[in-house]
Amino acid sequence: MCLVSALRFHGIGTQLPHQVWIGVPRGTRVPRLQAPPLRVINISPALFDLGVEVHRIEGQGVRVYSVARTVADCFRFRNTVGLDVALEALTEAWRSKRLNLDELNRIAKRLRVQRVMQPYLETAVP
C-alpha cells in the first residue's frame, strides 16, 4: 500500500480513499480485479523496497510504506494526490510525533524530493 491508502492505514490525515493505492515496480504486470478498485502507482525497481514495513492484517503479511516514505511519496507524487494532501500528511505526522526527521531526510534524498520538501519542513517543524 502506498500514498493515500498508506496514510489511512497509519491514521494520518483526513483522506478517505475510494480506491486502494498500491505501488508496483515499473514494468510489472498488474492483475485486473473486480473489487476493490485499485489505483496503481509505478515505482522504480531500485526504490521500490525503500521504507517498506510488513504488517499483519487478518493473518496475512501486507507490505505498507512507512510514515516517512509515505510523506516523502506524497511530495513526490504531489501532482497526483495534491499538494494539500502532502502538507496535511507532513504536519499531522509531525504533530503526532510519528515522523523521524532523519529517516524522512534520508528517504527524501533517495527519492529526490528533499529540495521540494525543505520550505514546507521549515514551516511545519519548529
Protein backbone atom coordinates (compact mmCIF):
# COMPACT_ATOMS: atom_id res chain seq x y z
CA MET A 1 0.00 0.00 0.00
CA CYS A 2 1.20 3.48 -0.76
CA LEU A 3 0.20 7.13 -0.76
CA VAL A 4 -3.41 7.79 0.31
CA SER A 5 -4.06 4.18 1.39
CA ALA A 6 -0.88 4.18 3.47
CA LEU A 7 -1.90 7.49 5.06
CA ARG A 8 -5.23 5.94 6.02
CA PHE A 9 -3.51 2.79 7.34
CA HIS A 10 -1.21 4.88 9.55
CA GLY A 11 -4.12 7.08 10.69
CA ILE A 12 -2.66 10.28 9.25
CA GLY A 13 -4.81 12.95 7.63
CA THR A 14 -8.44 13.14 6.74
CA GLN A 15 -8.34 11.47 3.34
CA LEU A 16 -10.71 8.56 2.77
CA PRO A 17 -9.54 6.79 -0.38
CA HIS A 18 -12.23 5.30 -2.59
CA GLN A 19 -9.54 3.13 -4.20
CA VAL A 20 -6.73 1.01 -2.82
CA TRP A 21 -3.48 2.72 -3.79
CA ILE A 22 -0.76 0.18 -4.49
CA GLY A 23 2.79 0.63 -5.65
CA VAL A 24 4.30 -1.85 -8.08
CA PRO A 25 7.75 -1.99 -9.64
CA ARG A 26 7.74 -0.34 -13.05
CA GLY A 27 7.21 -2.95 -15.77
CA THR A 28 5.32 -5.37 -13.51
CA ARG A 29 2.06 -6.79 -14.80
CA VAL A 30 -0.85 -5.85 -12.54
CA PRO A 31 -3.80 -8.25 -12.32
CA ARG A 32 -7.24 -6.83 -13.03
CA LEU A 33 -9.64 -7.15 -10.11
CA GLN A 34 -13.37 -6.55 -9.91
CA ALA A 35 -13.10 -5.40 -6.30
CA PRO A 36 -11.61 -3.47 -4.66
CA PRO A 37 -10.87 -0.74 -7.18
CA LEU A 38 -7.11 -0.23 -7.49
CA ARG A 39 -5.03 2.85 -8.19
CA VAL A 40 -1.64 1.61 -9.39
CA ILE A 41 1.49 3.71 -8.96
CA ASN A 42 4.55 2.57 -10.91
CA ILE A 43 7.74 2.86 -8.88
CA SER A 44 11.33 2.39 -9.98
CA PRO A 45 12.54 -1.10 -9.01
CA ALA A 46 15.60 0.46 -7.35
CA LEU A 47 13.35 2.47 -4.98
CA PHE A 48 10.51 0.00 -4.54
CA ASP A 49 11.68 -1.60 -1.26
CA LEU A 50 12.79 1.67 0.37
CA GLY A 51 10.80 2.18 3.58
CA VAL A 52 8.62 -0.94 3.31
CA GLU A 53 7.16 -2.37 6.51
CA VAL A 54 5.30 -5.67 6.75
CA HIS A 55 2.14 -5.58 8.88
CA ARG A 56 -0.20 -8.44 9.76
CA ILE A 57 -3.79 -7.89 8.59
CA GLU A 58 -6.20 -10.79 9.08
CA GLY A 59 -3.28 -13.20 9.30
CA GLN A 60 -1.65 -12.05 6.06
CA GLY A 61 1.56 -10.07 5.69
CA VAL A 62 0.80 -6.78 3.97
CA ARG A 63 3.56 -4.51 2.70
CA VAL A 64 2.90 -0.89 3.64
CA TYR A 65 5.26 2.02 3.21
CA SER A 66 6.47 3.63 6.45
CA VAL A 67 5.22 7.02 7.63
CA ALA A 68 8.40 8.75 6.42
CA ARG A 69 8.28 7.07 3.00
CA THR A 70 4.57 7.87 2.66
CA VAL A 71 5.09 11.56 3.46
CA ALA A 72 8.01 11.75 1.02
CA ASP A 73 5.95 9.95 -1.63
CA CYS A 74 3.11 12.43 -1.17
CA PHE A 75 5.53 15.21 -2.12
CA ARG A 76 6.97 13.11 -4.94
CA PHE A 77 3.52 12.46 -6.39
CA ARG A 78 2.07 15.84 -5.33
CA ASN A 79 0.56 16.37 -8.79
CA THR A 80 -1.34 13.09 -8.40
CA VAL A 81 -2.51 13.30 -4.78
CA GLY A 82 -2.46 17.09 -4.39
CA LEU A 83 -0.12 19.38 -2.51
CA ASP A 84 -2.75 19.87 0.20
CA VAL A 85 -2.63 16.12 0.97
CA ALA A 86 1.18 16.21 1.18
CA LEU A 87 1.15 19.23 3.52
CA GLU A 88 -1.54 17.70 5.73
CA ALA A 89 0.44 14.44 5.92
CA LEU A 90 3.63 16.26 6.88
CA THR A 91 2.09 18.46 9.55
CA GLU A 92 -0.08 15.76 11.12
CA ALA A 93 2.69 13.13 11.13
CA TRP A 94 5.00 15.65 12.82
CA ARG A 95 2.41 16.80 15.39
CA SER A 96 1.57 13.22 16.34
CA LYS A 97 5.31 12.52 16.84
CA ARG A 98 5.24 9.65 14.34
CA LEU A 99 7.80 11.16 11.99
CA ASN A 100 11.55 10.71 12.37
CA LEU A 101 13.23 13.65 10.60
CA ASP A 102 16.48 11.76 10.00
CA GLU A 103 14.60 8.94 8.27
CA LEU A 104 12.46 11.42 6.34
CA ASN A 105 15.55 13.29 5.09
CA ARG A 106 17.29 10.05 4.13
CA ILE A 107 14.28 8.83 2.17
CA ALA A 108 13.56 12.25 0.63
CA LYS A 109 17.15 12.42 -0.59
CA ARG A 110 16.87 8.99 -2.26
CA LEU A 111 13.52 9.96 -3.83
CA ARG A 112 14.95 13.33 -4.93
CA VAL A 113 12.31 15.44 -3.20
CA GLN A 114 14.41 16.89 -0.40
CA ARG A 115 14.59 20.34 -2.03
CA VAL A 116 10.87 20.33 -2.75
CA MET A 117 10.08 19.45 0.87
CA GLN A 118 12.59 21.81 2.52
CA PRO A 119 10.46 25.00 2.60
CA TYR A 120 7.48 23.08 3.94
CA LEU A 121 9.61 21.34 6.57
CA GLU A 122 10.89 24.70 7.79
CA THR A 123 7.35 25.96 8.37
CA ALA A 124 5.88 22.72 9.75
CA VAL A 125 8.73 21.79 12.06
CA PRO A 126 9.59 24.46 14.63
